[in-house]
Amino acid sequence: MTPTINILFDEQTIATRISDLAKEVAETQPQNLLVVAVLKGSFIFAADLVREMHRAGLAPEMEFIHLSSYGAGTVGSEEIRVLRDVESDVNGRDIILVDDILESGRTLKFARDRLLGRGARSVQIAALLDKPERRKAAISADFVGFACPDKFVVGYGMDMGHAWRQLPFIGYVVPDET
């Protein structure tokens, strides 16, 4: 049975907010900027964000880190595995670590600490969604798209059991009443 998905943030609202986020990043005047997208969920957000950064006058390079803390379900795991690491030299660079959602914070803290440990000048976090009530690690985002209600969200790169990433909006799954 296909779950019901209600729209939380529509396409235009997301596009407008990402443009504003890129301008906020540009105002910080980053040096030798490297954008690192946390795969898989952030890929759509990261692509839109770097295009908006270009429009805001920045010329970021792009990298990816693939970390896994979720299985096929909806509950995060304690273990963080590196499936693909950043290949570029990060020493002395300003980095924007991009993720779809800052929830427990464990994955982003792991990634931030890893990049700082390799000599990054700074690592700031851009999270499309922020769920502070779920935080388990001492971390916050420097750039936040939207505060997220305590609902399981899908779309715009975020999935439920590898489904719904393709949705052009962010929605939440309505719990099955049966």
N, C-alpha and C. Protein backbone atom coordinates (compact mmCIF):
# COMPACT_ATOMS: atom_id res chain seq x y z
N MET A 1 0.84 -1.19 0.00
CA MET A 1 0.00 0.00 0.00
C MET A 1 0.89 1.25 0.00
N THR A 2 0.56 2.20 -0.84
CA THR A 2 1.31 3.44 -0.95
C THR A 2 0.89 4.40 0.17
N PRO A 3 1.87 4.94 0.90
CA PRO A 3 1.50 5.86 1.98
C PRO A 3 1.00 7.19 1.43
N THR A 4 0.26 7.90 2.25
CA THR A 4 -0.18 9.25 1.90
C THR A 4 0.95 10.21 2.26
N ILE A 5 1.26 11.12 1.33
CA ILE A 5 2.31 12.11 1.56
C ILE A 5 1.70 13.50 1.42
N ASN A 6 1.78 14.28 2.47
CA ASN A 6 1.28 15.64 2.45
C ASN A 6 2.44 16.61 2.22
N ILE A 7 2.20 17.66 1.45
CA ILE A 7 3.24 18.64 1.15
C ILE A 7 3.50 19.52 2.36
N LEU A 8 4.79 19.62 2.71
CA LEU A 8 5.23 20.48 3.80
C LEU A 8 5.82 21.77 3.23
N PHE A 9 6.72 21.64 2.23
CA PHE A 9 7.31 22.79 1.55
C PHE A 9 7.24 22.55 0.05
N ASP A 10 6.60 23.46 -0.68
CA ASP A 10 6.45 23.27 -2.13
C ASP A 10 7.70 23.72 -2.88
N GLU A 11 7.71 23.45 -4.18
CA GLU A 11 8.88 23.73 -5.02
C GLU A 11 9.32 25.19 -4.96
N GLN A 12 8.39 26.12 -5.10
CA GLN A 12 8.75 27.54 -5.13
C GLN A 12 9.30 28.01 -3.79
N THR A 13 8.70 27.55 -2.71
CA THR A 13 9.17 27.91 -1.37
C THR A 13 10.60 27.42 -1.17
N ILE A 14 10.89 26.20 -1.61
CA ILE A 14 12.24 25.64 -1.49
C ILE A 14 13.22 26.45 -2.34
N ALA A 15 12.86 26.73 -3.58
CA ALA A 15 13.76 27.48 -4.48
C ALA A 15 14.10 28.85 -3.92
N THR A 16 13.11 29.55 -3.40
CA THR A 16 13.33 30.87 -2.83
C THR A 16 14.26 30.81 -1.63
N ARG A 17 14.03 29.82 -0.77
CA ARG A 17 14.86 29.70 0.44
C ARG A 17 16.30 29.34 0.09
N ILE A 18 16.50 28.48 -0.89
CA ILE A 18 17.86 28.09 -1.28
C ILE A 18 18.60 29.28 -1.88
N SER A 19 17.92 30.10 -2.65
CA SER A 19 18.54 31.32 -3.16
C SER A 19 19.00 32.21 -2.01
N ASP A 20 18.16 32.36 -1.00
CA ASP A 20 18.51 33.16 0.17
C ASP A 20 19.69 32.55 0.93
N LEU A 21 19.72 31.22 1.06
CA LEU A 21 20.83 30.55 1.74
C LEU A 21 22.15 30.82 1.02
N ALA A 22 22.14 30.73 -0.30
CA ALA A 22 23.36 30.98 -1.09
C ALA A 22 23.87 32.40 -0.85
N LYS A 23 22.96 33.35 -0.78
CA LYS A 23 23.35 34.74 -0.50
C LYS A 23 23.94 34.86 0.91
N GLU A 24 23.37 34.13 1.87
CA GLU A 24 23.91 34.13 3.23
C GLU A 24 25.33 33.57 3.25
N VAL A 25 25.56 32.50 2.50
CA VAL A 25 26.90 31.91 2.41
C VAL A 25 27.85 32.92 1.78
N ALA A 26 27.44 33.56 0.69
CA ALA A 26 28.30 34.52 0.00
C ALA A 26 28.70 35.68 0.92
N GLU A 27 27.80 36.09 1.80
CA GLU A 27 28.10 37.19 2.73
C GLU A 27 29.23 36.84 3.69
N THR A 28 29.50 35.55 3.90
CA THR A 28 30.58 35.14 4.81
C THR A 28 31.94 35.21 4.13
N GLN A 29 31.95 35.47 2.83
CA GLN A 29 33.17 35.59 2.02
C GLN A 29 34.13 34.42 2.23
N PRO A 30 33.66 33.20 1.94
CA PRO A 30 34.53 32.03 2.12
C PRO A 30 35.71 32.06 1.15
N GLN A 31 36.82 31.49 1.59
CA GLN A 31 38.05 31.43 0.80
C GLN A 31 38.29 30.00 0.33
N ASN A 32 38.61 29.84 -0.96
CA ASN A 32 38.92 28.52 -1.51
C ASN A 32 37.80 27.53 -1.14
N LEU A 33 36.58 27.91 -1.47
CA LEU A 33 35.38 27.21 -1.01
C LEU A 33 35.23 25.83 -1.63
N LEU A 34 34.99 24.86 -0.76
CA LEU A 34 34.67 23.49 -1.16
C LEU A 34 33.33 23.14 -0.55
N VAL A 35 32.38 22.77 -1.38
CA VAL A 35 31.08 22.30 -0.91
C VAL A 35 31.14 20.78 -0.90
N VAL A 36 30.83 20.21 0.26
CA VAL A 36 30.84 18.75 0.40
C VAL A 36 29.42 18.29 0.70
N ALA A 37 28.84 17.59 -0.25
CA ALA A 37 27.48 17.07 -0.09
C ALA A 37 27.53 15.71 0.58
N VAL A 38 26.68 15.55 1.59
CA VAL A 38 26.55 14.27 2.27
C VAL A 38 25.51 13.46 1.51
N LEU A 39 25.96 12.38 0.89
CA LEU A 39 25.08 11.53 0.10
C LEU A 39 24.35 10.54 1.00
N LYS A 40 23.18 10.12 0.61
CA LYS A 40 22.53 10.33 -0.64
C LYS A 40 21.53 11.47 -0.57
N GLY A 41 20.95 11.70 0.58
CA GLY A 41 19.80 12.58 0.70
C GLY A 41 19.99 14.02 0.27
N SER A 42 21.21 14.53 0.32
CA SER A 42 21.41 15.96 0.04
C SER A 42 21.67 16.27 -1.43
N PHE A 43 21.69 15.28 -2.31
CA PHE A 43 22.16 15.53 -3.67
C PHE A 43 21.35 16.58 -4.41
N ILE A 44 20.06 16.62 -4.26
CA ILE A 44 19.25 17.62 -4.96
C ILE A 44 19.46 19.00 -4.34
N PHE A 45 19.43 19.06 -3.02
CA PHE A 45 19.67 20.32 -2.31
C PHE A 45 21.04 20.87 -2.64
N ALA A 46 22.07 20.02 -2.61
CA ALA A 46 23.44 20.48 -2.89
C ALA A 46 23.56 21.02 -4.31
N ALA A 47 22.96 20.34 -5.28
CA ALA A 47 23.02 20.80 -6.67
C ALA A 47 22.36 22.17 -6.81
N ASP A 48 21.19 22.33 -6.24
CA ASP A 48 20.50 23.62 -6.32
C ASP A 48 21.27 24.70 -5.56
N LEU A 49 21.85 24.34 -4.42
CA LEU A 49 22.58 25.32 -3.63
C LEU A 49 23.83 25.81 -4.34
N VAL A 50 24.61 24.92 -4.96
CA VAL A 50 25.83 25.40 -5.64
C VAL A 50 25.49 26.23 -6.87
N ARG A 51 24.40 25.93 -7.54
CA ARG A 51 23.99 26.78 -8.67
C ARG A 51 23.61 28.17 -8.17
N GLU A 52 22.93 28.23 -7.03
CA GLU A 52 22.57 29.53 -6.46
C GLU A 52 23.81 30.25 -5.91
N MET A 53 24.79 29.50 -5.42
CA MET A 53 26.04 30.11 -4.98
C MET A 53 26.74 30.78 -6.17
N HIS A 54 26.70 30.13 -7.31
CA HIS A 54 27.27 30.72 -8.53
C HIS A 54 26.57 32.04 -8.85
N ARG A 55 25.26 32.04 -8.79
CA ARG A 55 24.49 33.25 -9.06
C ARG A 55 24.79 34.35 -8.04
N ALA A 56 25.21 33.93 -6.82
CA ALA A 56 25.54 34.89 -5.76
C ALA A 56 27.00 35.33 -5.83
N GLY A 57 27.72 34.90 -6.88
CA GLY A 57 29.09 35.36 -7.08
C GLY A 57 30.18 34.45 -6.55
N LEU A 58 29.82 33.27 -6.07
CA LEU A 58 30.82 32.32 -5.57
C LEU A 58 31.20 31.33 -6.67
N ALA A 59 32.36 30.71 -6.50
CA ALA A 59 32.82 29.69 -7.44
C ALA A 59 33.26 28.46 -6.64
N PRO A 60 32.30 27.78 -6.00
CA PRO A 60 32.68 26.65 -5.16
C PRO A 60 33.10 25.43 -5.99
N GLU A 61 34.03 24.68 -5.45
CA GLU A 61 34.28 23.34 -5.98
C GLU A 61 33.34 22.40 -5.25
N MET A 62 33.11 21.24 -5.83
CA MET A 62 32.11 20.31 -5.29
C MET A 62 32.75 18.97 -5.01
N GLU A 63 32.41 18.40 -3.88
CA GLU A 63 32.87 17.07 -3.48
C GLU A 63 31.71 16.35 -2.81
N PHE A 64 31.95 15.07 -2.53
CA PHE A 64 30.91 14.24 -1.94
C PHE A 64 31.50 13.34 -0.87
N ILE A 65 30.72 13.12 0.16
CA ILE A 65 31.03 12.10 1.16
C ILE A 65 29.76 11.29 1.32
N HIS A 66 29.91 9.98 1.31
CA HIS A 66 28.75 9.11 1.44
C HIS A 66 28.88 8.39 2.76
N LEU A 67 28.01 8.75 3.67
CA LEU A 67 27.98 8.18 4.99
C LEU A 67 26.67 7.45 5.18
N SER A 68 26.69 6.39 5.93
CA SER A 68 25.47 5.63 6.14
C SER A 68 25.20 5.48 7.62
N SER A 69 24.02 5.94 8.03
CA SER A 69 23.57 5.70 9.40
C SER A 69 22.13 5.22 9.41
N TYR A 70 21.56 5.06 8.22
CA TYR A 70 20.19 4.57 8.10
C TYR A 70 20.17 3.27 7.33
N GLY A 71 19.29 2.39 7.70
CA GLY A 71 19.05 1.20 6.91
C GLY A 71 17.93 1.47 5.94
N ALA A 72 17.12 0.47 5.70
CA ALA A 72 16.02 0.61 4.76
C ALA A 72 14.79 1.24 5.41
N GLY A 73 14.81 1.38 6.72
CA GLY A 73 13.63 1.88 7.42
C GLY A 73 13.69 3.36 7.71
N THR A 74 13.10 3.73 8.84
CA THR A 74 12.97 5.14 9.18
C THR A 74 13.71 5.51 10.46
N VAL A 75 14.45 4.58 11.04
CA VAL A 75 15.13 4.83 12.30
C VAL A 75 16.63 4.80 12.07
N GLY A 76 17.33 5.81 12.56
CA GLY A 76 18.77 5.90 12.40
C GLY A 76 19.50 4.85 13.21
N SER A 77 20.66 4.50 12.75
CA SER A 77 21.53 3.56 13.42
C SER A 77 22.58 4.34 14.21
N GLU A 78 23.16 3.72 15.24
CA GLU A 78 24.24 4.35 16.01
C GLU A 78 25.54 4.36 15.22
N GLU A 79 25.75 3.38 14.36
CA GLU A 79 26.99 3.24 13.62
C GLU A 79 26.99 4.12 12.38
N ILE A 80 28.10 4.82 12.14
CA ILE A 80 28.27 5.62 10.94
C ILE A 80 29.37 4.97 10.12
N ARG A 81 29.05 4.65 8.89
CA ARG A 81 30.01 4.01 8.00
C ARG A 81 30.34 4.98 6.86
N VAL A 82 31.62 5.02 6.49
CA VAL A 82 32.07 5.82 5.36
C VAL A 82 32.01 4.92 4.13
N LEU A 83 31.11 5.22 3.22
CA LEU A 83 30.97 4.46 1.99
C LEU A 83 31.76 5.09 0.84
N ARG A 84 31.92 6.41 0.89
CA ARG A 84 32.74 7.15 -0.07
C ARG A 84 33.27 8.38 0.64
N ASP A 85 34.56 8.58 0.58
CA ASP A 85 35.18 9.69 1.29
C ASP A 85 35.50 10.84 0.34
N VAL A 86 35.71 12.01 0.90
CA VAL A 86 36.14 13.19 0.14
C VAL A 86 37.52 12.89 -0.41
N GLU A 87 37.70 13.12 -1.71
CA GLU A 87 38.98 12.84 -2.35
C GLU A 87 39.89 14.06 -2.43
N SER A 88 39.33 15.24 -2.42
CA SER A 88 40.11 16.48 -2.54
C SER A 88 40.88 16.77 -1.26
N ASP A 89 41.99 17.51 -1.43
CA ASP A 89 42.74 18.00 -0.29
C ASP A 89 41.92 19.12 0.34
N VAL A 90 41.62 19.00 1.61
CA VAL A 90 40.80 20.00 2.30
C VAL A 90 41.64 20.94 3.15
N ASN A 91 42.94 20.71 3.22
CA ASN A 91 43.82 21.49 4.07
C ASN A 91 43.74 22.99 3.75
N GLY A 92 43.42 23.79 4.77
CA GLY A 92 43.37 25.24 4.63
C GLY A 92 42.14 25.78 3.92
N ARG A 93 41.18 24.94 3.60
CA ARG A 93 40.00 25.37 2.83
C ARG A 93 38.81 25.66 3.73
N ASP A 94 37.96 26.57 3.27
CA ASP A 94 36.65 26.78 3.88
C ASP A 94 35.71 25.78 3.25
N ILE A 95 34.99 25.05 4.09
CA ILE A 95 34.10 23.99 3.61
C ILE A 95 32.69 24.26 4.08
N ILE A 96 31.76 24.07 3.17
CA ILE A 96 30.34 24.04 3.53
C ILE A 96 29.91 22.58 3.38
N LEU A 97 29.56 21.98 4.49
CA LEU A 97 29.08 20.61 4.53
C LEU A 97 27.56 20.67 4.37
N VAL A 98 27.05 20.05 3.31
CA VAL A 98 25.64 20.17 2.95
C VAL A 98 24.92 18.86 3.23
N ASP A 99 23.83 18.95 3.99
CA ASP A 99 23.02 17.76 4.25
C ASP A 99 21.55 18.12 4.15
N ASP A 100 20.75 17.09 3.90
CA ASP A 100 19.32 17.30 3.74
C ASP A 100 18.64 17.64 5.06
N ILE A 101 19.04 16.95 6.14
CA ILE A 101 18.35 17.16 7.40
C ILE A 101 19.33 16.98 8.56
N LEU A 102 19.29 17.91 9.47
CA LEU A 102 20.06 17.82 10.70
C LEU A 102 19.09 17.35 11.77
N GLU A 103 19.27 16.10 12.15
CA GLU A 103 18.35 15.48 13.09
C GLU A 103 19.12 15.12 14.36
N SER A 104 19.65 13.91 14.44
CA SER A 104 20.42 13.52 15.63
C SER A 104 21.72 14.30 15.70
N GLY A 105 22.28 14.64 14.53
CA GLY A 105 23.53 15.36 14.48
C GLY A 105 24.76 14.46 14.45
N ARG A 106 24.60 13.19 14.68
CA ARG A 106 25.75 12.27 14.74
C ARG A 106 26.51 12.22 13.42
N THR A 107 25.79 12.11 12.31
CA THR A 107 26.45 12.00 11.00
C THR A 107 27.19 13.28 10.65
N LEU A 108 26.55 14.42 10.83
CA LEU A 108 27.21 15.68 10.50
C LEU A 108 28.37 15.99 11.43
N LYS A 109 28.26 15.65 12.69
CA LYS A 109 29.38 15.85 13.61
C LYS A 109 30.56 14.97 13.19
N PHE A 110 30.27 13.73 12.83
CA PHE A 110 31.30 12.82 12.35
C PHE A 110 32.01 13.41 11.12
N ALA A 111 31.23 13.88 10.16
CA ALA A 111 31.80 14.43 8.92
C ALA A 111 32.58 15.71 9.20
N ARG A 112 32.02 16.59 10.01
CA ARG A 112 32.70 17.85 10.32
C ARG A 112 34.04 17.58 11.01
N ASP A 113 34.02 16.71 12.02
CA ASP A 113 35.25 16.39 12.75
C ASP A 113 36.28 15.74 11.83
N ARG A 114 35.83 14.93 10.90
CA ARG A 114 36.73 14.26 9.94
C ARG A 114 37.43 15.30 9.06
N LEU A 115 36.66 16.27 8.56
CA LEU A 115 37.22 17.31 7.69
C LEU A 115 38.14 18.26 8.46
N LEU A 116 37.75 18.63 9.66
CA LEU A 116 38.61 19.48 10.48
C LEU A 116 39.91 18.76 10.83
N GLY A 117 39.80 17.46 11.09
CA GLY A 117 40.97 16.65 11.39
C GLY A 117 41.95 16.56 10.23
N ARG A 118 41.48 16.81 9.04
CA ARG A 118 42.33 16.81 7.85
C ARG A 118 42.86 18.20 7.53
N GLY A 119 42.58 19.16 8.39
CA GLY A 119 43.18 20.48 8.22
C GLY A 119 42.31 21.53 7.56
N ALA A 120 41.01 21.28 7.43
CA ALA A 120 40.14 22.31 6.86
C ALA A 120 40.24 23.58 7.71
N ARG A 121 40.26 24.72 7.05
CA ARG A 121 40.31 26.01 7.76
C ARG A 121 39.04 26.22 8.57
N SER A 122 37.91 25.90 7.95
CA SER A 122 36.62 25.99 8.63
C SER A 122 35.67 24.99 7.99
N VAL A 123 34.71 24.53 8.77
CA VAL A 123 33.64 23.67 8.25
C VAL A 123 32.33 24.22 8.79
N GLN A 124 31.54 24.77 7.89
CA GLN A 124 30.21 25.24 8.25
C GLN A 124 29.20 24.25 7.69
N ILE A 125 28.04 24.22 8.31
CA ILE A 125 27.01 23.26 7.92
C ILE A 125 25.81 23.98 7.35
N ALA A 126 25.38 23.50 6.18
CA ALA A 126 24.13 23.96 5.57
C ALA A 126 23.18 22.77 5.57
N ALA A 127 22.09 22.90 6.30
CA ALA A 127 21.08 21.85 6.38
C ALA A 127 19.77 22.38 5.82
N LEU A 128 19.19 21.65 4.90
CA LEU A 128 17.92 22.08 4.34
C LEU A 128 16.84 22.09 5.42
N LEU A 129 16.84 21.05 6.25
CA LEU A 129 15.86 20.94 7.33
C LEU A 129 16.57 20.77 8.66
N ASP A 130 16.01 21.32 9.71
CA ASP A 130 16.57 21.19 11.05
C ASP A 130 15.49 20.69 12.00
N LYS A 131 15.81 19.59 12.71
CA LYS A 131 14.93 19.02 13.73
C LYS A 131 15.68 19.02 15.06
N PRO A 132 15.77 20.18 15.72
CA PRO A 132 16.58 20.26 16.94
C PRO A 132 16.09 19.37 18.08
N GLU A 133 14.80 19.06 18.11
CA GLU A 133 14.29 18.23 19.21
C GLU A 133 14.79 16.78 19.14
N ARG A 134 15.39 16.39 18.01
CA ARG A 134 15.93 15.04 17.84
C ARG A 134 17.45 14.98 18.06
N ARG A 135 18.07 16.10 18.41
CA ARG A 135 19.52 16.19 18.48
C ARG A 135 20.09 15.28 19.57
N LYS A 136 21.12 14.53 19.19
CA LYS A 136 21.84 13.68 20.13
C LYS A 136 23.31 14.09 20.23
N ALA A 137 23.80 14.85 19.26
CA ALA A 137 25.18 15.33 19.26
C ALA A 137 25.17 16.85 19.41
N ALA A 138 26.23 17.38 20.00
CA ALA A 138 26.34 18.82 20.21
C ALA A 138 26.79 19.48 18.91
N ILE A 139 25.81 19.81 18.07
CA ILE A 139 26.11 20.42 16.77
C ILE A 139 24.88 21.20 16.32
N SER A 140 25.14 22.27 15.56
CA SER A 140 24.03 23.02 14.97
C SER A 140 24.46 23.45 13.58
N ALA A 141 23.48 23.80 12.77
CA ALA A 141 23.76 24.23 11.40
C ALA A 141 24.02 25.73 11.37
N ASP A 142 24.94 26.14 10.50
CA ASP A 142 25.23 27.55 10.31
C ASP A 142 24.23 28.19 9.35
N PHE A 143 23.72 27.37 8.43
CA PHE A 143 22.75 27.82 7.44
C PHE A 143 21.61 26.80 7.42
N VAL A 144 20.39 27.26 7.72
CA VAL A 144 19.24 26.36 7.82
C VAL A 144 18.18 26.80 6.83
N GLY A 145 17.69 25.84 6.05
CA GLY A 145 16.60 26.12 5.14
C GLY A 145 15.30 26.33 5.88
N PHE A 146 14.88 25.31 6.61
CA PHE A 146 13.58 25.34 7.29
C PHE A 146 13.66 24.57 8.61
N ALA A 147 12.92 25.04 9.60
CA ALA A 147 12.68 24.24 10.79
C ALA A 147 11.72 23.13 10.36
N CYS A 148 11.98 21.93 10.81
CA CYS A 148 11.18 20.78 10.39
C CYS A 148 10.37 20.24 11.56
N PRO A 149 9.07 20.07 11.36
CA PRO A 149 8.28 19.46 12.42
C PRO A 149 8.72 18.01 12.63
N ASP A 150 8.37 17.46 13.75
CA ASP A 150 8.76 16.09 14.08
C ASP A 150 7.90 15.09 13.30
N LYS A 151 8.16 15.05 12.00
CA LYS A 151 7.46 14.14 11.10
C LYS A 151 8.51 13.47 10.22
N PHE A 152 8.17 12.31 9.67
CA PHE A 152 9.10 11.65 8.75
C PHE A 152 8.90 12.27 7.37
N VAL A 153 9.96 12.94 6.87
CA VAL A 153 9.87 13.69 5.62
C VAL A 153 10.51 12.94 4.46
N VAL A 154 9.95 13.18 3.28
CA VAL A 154 10.44 12.57 2.04
C VAL A 154 10.40 13.61 0.93
N GLY A 155 11.05 13.27 -0.17
CA GLY A 155 11.04 14.15 -1.33
C GLY A 155 12.26 15.04 -1.35
N TYR A 156 12.51 15.64 -2.50
CA TYR A 156 13.62 16.55 -2.68
C TYR A 156 14.94 15.90 -2.25
N GLY A 157 15.06 14.61 -2.57
CA GLY A 157 16.27 13.85 -2.25
C GLY A 157 16.14 12.94 -1.05
N MET A 158 15.18 13.20 -0.19
CA MET A 158 15.01 12.38 1.02
C MET A 158 14.08 11.21 0.73
N ASP A 159 14.37 10.09 1.37
CA ASP A 159 13.65 8.88 1.02
C ASP A 159 13.05 8.18 2.22
N MET A 160 12.23 7.20 1.90
CA MET A 160 11.73 6.24 2.87
C MET A 160 11.95 4.88 2.24
N GLY A 161 12.92 4.14 2.75
CA GLY A 161 13.22 2.84 2.17
C GLY A 161 13.60 2.94 0.70
N HIS A 162 14.34 3.97 0.33
CA HIS A 162 14.83 4.23 -1.03
C HIS A 162 13.75 4.71 -2.00
N ALA A 163 12.59 5.07 -1.51
CA ALA A 163 11.51 5.59 -2.37
C ALA A 163 11.28 7.06 -2.05
N TRP A 164 10.69 7.78 -3.00
CA TRP A 164 10.20 9.15 -2.88
C TRP A 164 11.27 10.23 -3.00
N ARG A 165 12.52 9.88 -3.30
CA ARG A 165 13.57 10.91 -3.46
C ARG A 165 13.23 11.88 -4.59
N GLN A 166 12.53 11.41 -5.61
CA GLN A 166 12.30 12.18 -6.83
C GLN A 166 11.24 13.27 -6.69
N LEU A 167 10.52 13.28 -5.61
CA LEU A 167 9.46 14.28 -5.46
C LEU A 167 10.05 15.69 -5.49
N PRO A 168 9.43 16.63 -6.21
CA PRO A 168 9.98 17.98 -6.33
C PRO A 168 9.66 18.88 -5.13
N PHE A 169 9.03 18.32 -4.13
CA PHE A 169 8.66 19.05 -2.91
C PHE A 169 9.11 18.23 -1.71
N ILE A 170 9.00 18.82 -0.54
CA ILE A 170 9.25 18.09 0.70
C ILE A 170 7.89 17.82 1.32
N GLY A 171 7.64 16.55 1.57
CA GLY A 171 6.38 16.15 2.17
C GLY A 171 6.63 15.30 3.40
N TYR A 172 5.55 15.01 4.09
CA TYR A 172 5.69 14.10 5.23
C TYR A 172 4.72 12.95 5.04
N VAL A 173 5.16 11.83 5.55
CA VAL A 173 4.39 10.60 5.44
C VAL A 173 3.32 10.60 6.53
N VAL A 174 2.08 10.43 6.10
CA VAL A 174 0.97 10.36 7.05
C VAL A 174 0.95 8.94 7.61
N PRO A 175 1.03 8.81 8.94
CA PRO A 175 1.04 7.47 9.54
C PRO A 175 -0.20 6.67 9.17
N ASP A 176 0.01 5.40 8.91
CA ASP A 176 -1.08 4.48 8.57
C ASP A 176 -1.89 4.23 9.83
N GLU A 177 -3.18 4.44 9.75
CA GLU A 177 -4.05 4.30 10.93
C GLU A 177 -4.49 2.86 11.18
N THR A 178 -4.14 1.95 10.26
CA THR A 178 -4.61 0.57 10.44
C THR A 178 -3.72 -0.26 11.31
